[in-house]
C-alpha atoms as a PDB file:
ATOM      1  CA  MET A   1      99.267  94.335  92.286  1.00  0.00           C
ATOM      2  CA  GLY A   2     102.001  95.178  94.796  1.00  0.00           C
ATOM      3  CA  VAL A   3      99.978  98.004  96.329  1.00  0.00           C
ATOM      4  CA  ILE A   4      96.972  95.716  96.723  1.00  0.00           C
ATOM      5  CA  GLY A   5      99.087  93.084  98.491  1.00  0.00           C
ATOM      6  CA  LEU A   6     100.665  95.700 100.734  1.00  0.00           C
ATOM      7  CA  THR A   7      97.247  97.133 101.586  1.00  0.00           C
ATOM      8  CA  ARG A   8      95.824  93.708 102.442  1.00  0.00           C
ATOM      9  CA  GLY A   9      98.852  92.834 104.555  1.00  0.00           C
ATOM     10  CA  MET A  10      98.722  96.113 106.462  1.00  0.00           C
ATOM     11  CA  ALA A  11      94.961  95.746 106.966  1.00  0.00           C
ATOM     12  CA  ALA A  12      95.452  92.258 108.404  1.00  0.00           C
ATOM     13  CA  ASP A  13      98.256  93.422 110.704  1.00  0.00           C
ATOM     14  CA  LEU A  14      96.618  96.654 111.854  1.00  0.00           C
ATOM     15  CA  GLY A  15      92.960  95.595 111.946  1.00  0.00           C
ATOM     16  CA  PRO A  16      93.197  94.110 115.439  1.00  0.00           C
ATOM     17  CA  TYR A  17      94.217  97.571 116.673  1.00  0.00           C
ATOM     18  CA  GLY A  18      91.160  99.214 115.109  1.00  0.00           C
ATOM     19  CA  ILE A  19      93.176 100.770 112.290  1.00  0.00           C
ATOM     20  CA  THR A  20      91.589 100.729 108.853  1.00  0.00           C
ATOM     21  CA  VAL A  21      93.844 100.541 105.799  1.00  0.00           C
ATOM     22  CA  ASN A  22      92.576 101.414 102.325  1.00  0.00           C
ATOM     23  CA  ALA A  23      94.139 102.077  98.937  1.00  0.00           C
ATOM     24  CA  VAL A  24      92.761 104.127  96.072  1.00  0.00           C
ATOM     25  CA  SER A  25      93.931 103.011  92.649  1.00  0.00           C
ATOM     26  CA  PRO A  26      91.990 104.956  90.051  1.00  0.00           C
ATOM     27  CA  SER A  27      92.085 104.031  86.416  1.00  0.00           C
ATOM     28  CA  LEU A  28      92.098 106.575  83.615  1.00  0.00           C
ATOM     29  CA  THR A  29      90.518 109.779  84.907  1.00  0.00           C
ATOM     30  CA  ARG A  30      89.120 112.639  82.835  1.00  0.00           C
ATOM     31  CA  THR A  31      91.606 115.316  83.932  1.00  0.00           C
ATOM     32  CA  PRO A  32      92.851 118.376  82.021  1.00  0.00           C
ATOM     33  CA  GLY A  33      96.152 116.581  81.367  1.00  0.00           C
ATOM     34  CA  VAL A  34      94.380 113.597  79.815  1.00  0.00           C
ATOM     35  CA  LEU A  35      92.132 115.820  77.704  1.00  0.00           C
ATOM     36  CA  GLU A  36      95.147 117.816  76.431  1.00  0.00           C
ATOM     37  CA  ASN A  37      96.773 114.648  75.105  1.00  0.00           C
ATOM     38  CA  PRO A  38      95.099 113.883  71.740  1.00  0.00           C
ATOM     39  CA  ALA A  39      96.400 110.300  71.691  1.00  0.00           C
ATOM     40  CA  ILE A  40      94.568 109.532  74.925  1.00  0.00           C
ATOM     41  CA  SER A  41      91.547 111.833  74.681  1.00  0.00           C
ATOM     42  CA  ASN A  42      90.570 110.344  71.311  1.00  0.00           C
ATOM     43  CA  MET A  43      90.411 106.886  72.904  1.00  0.00           C
ATOM     44  CA  LEU A  44      88.367 107.789  76.010  1.00  0.00           C
ATOM     45  CA  GLU A  45      84.985 106.587  74.788  1.00  0.00           C
ATOM     46  CA  GLY A  46      86.444 103.343  73.445  1.00  0.00           C
ATOM     47  CA  ILE A  47      88.151 102.701  76.765  1.00  0.00           C
ATOM     48  CA  ALA A  48      84.914 103.418  78.626  1.00  0.00           C
ATOM     49  CA  GLN A  49      83.066 100.783  76.608  1.00  0.00           C
ATOM     50  CA  VAL A  50      85.343  97.956  77.799  1.00  0.00           C
ATOM     51  CA  GLN A  51      85.021  98.856  81.481  1.00  0.00           C
ATOM     52  CA  ALA A  52      82.439  97.463  83.889  1.00  0.00           C
ATOM     53  CA  ILE A  53      81.062 100.981  84.437  1.00  0.00           C
ATOM     54  CA  LYS A  54      80.821 102.499  80.979  1.00  0.00           C
ATOM     55  CA  ARG A  55      82.262 105.933  81.726  1.00  0.00           C
ATOM     56  CA  ILE A  56      85.611 107.508  82.455  1.00  0.00           C
ATOM     57  CA  ALA A  57      86.067 108.632  86.058  1.00  0.00           C
ATOM     58  CA  LEU A  58      85.962 112.321  86.884  1.00  0.00           C
ATOM     59  CA  PRO A  59      88.375 113.907  89.371  1.00  0.00           C
ATOM     60  CA  GLN A  60      85.500 114.560  91.780  1.00  0.00           C
ATOM     61  CA  ASP A  61      84.734 110.812  91.816  1.00  0.00           C
ATOM     62  CA  ILE A  62      88.176 110.141  93.240  1.00  0.00           C
ATOM     63  CA  THR A  63      88.020 113.125  95.592  1.00  0.00           C
ATOM     64  CA  ALA A  64      84.678 111.987  97.009  1.00  0.00           C
ATOM     65  CA  LEU A  65      86.062 108.504  97.667  1.00  0.00           C
ATOM     66  CA  VAL A  66      89.212 109.768  99.391  1.00  0.00           C
ATOM     67  CA  LEU A  67      87.216 112.207 101.533  1.00  0.00           C
ATOM     68  CA  PHE A  68      84.858 109.406 102.555  1.00  0.00           C
ATOM     69  CA  LEU A  69      87.697 107.039 103.444  1.00  0.00           C
ATOM     70  CA  ALA A  70      89.391 109.753 105.514  1.00  0.00           C
ATOM     71  CA  SER A  71      86.190 110.745 107.314  1.00  0.00           C
ATOM     72  CA  HIS A  72      84.970 109.689 110.723  1.00  0.00           C
ATOM     73  CA  GLY A  73      81.770 108.438 109.070  1.00  0.00           C
ATOM     74  CA  GLN A  74      83.690 105.683 107.342  1.00  0.00           C
ATOM     75  CA  SER A  75      85.065 104.382 110.621  1.00  0.00           C
ATOM     76  CA  SER A  76      81.565 104.052 112.071  1.00  0.00           C
ATOM     77  CA  LEU A  77      80.803 101.389 109.454  1.00  0.00           C
ATOM     78  CA  GLN A  78      83.137  98.980 111.201  1.00  0.00           C
ATOM     79  CA  GLY A  79      82.686  97.036 114.385  1.00  0.00           C
ATOM     80  CA  LYS A  80      84.632  97.993 117.461  1.00  0.00           C
ATOM     81  CA  PRO A  81      87.794  95.955 118.103  1.00  0.00           C
END
């Protein structure tokens, strides 16, 4: 919750200057490290069923989001200050 508060505060402070602030806080992600841990990998499908989107994130899901947020295309979605 601290990162969310920090992100919102920075966005409010920096928004008037045309600076966008975002945070990426992924949940459990299907990475090699997760799959190598039997205690976690055996629970993946059960965890997915209690989430709003019924699947575990893939690394490329996170990568695509970060690349979008860092791109110039993302900034064009906002009005000019």
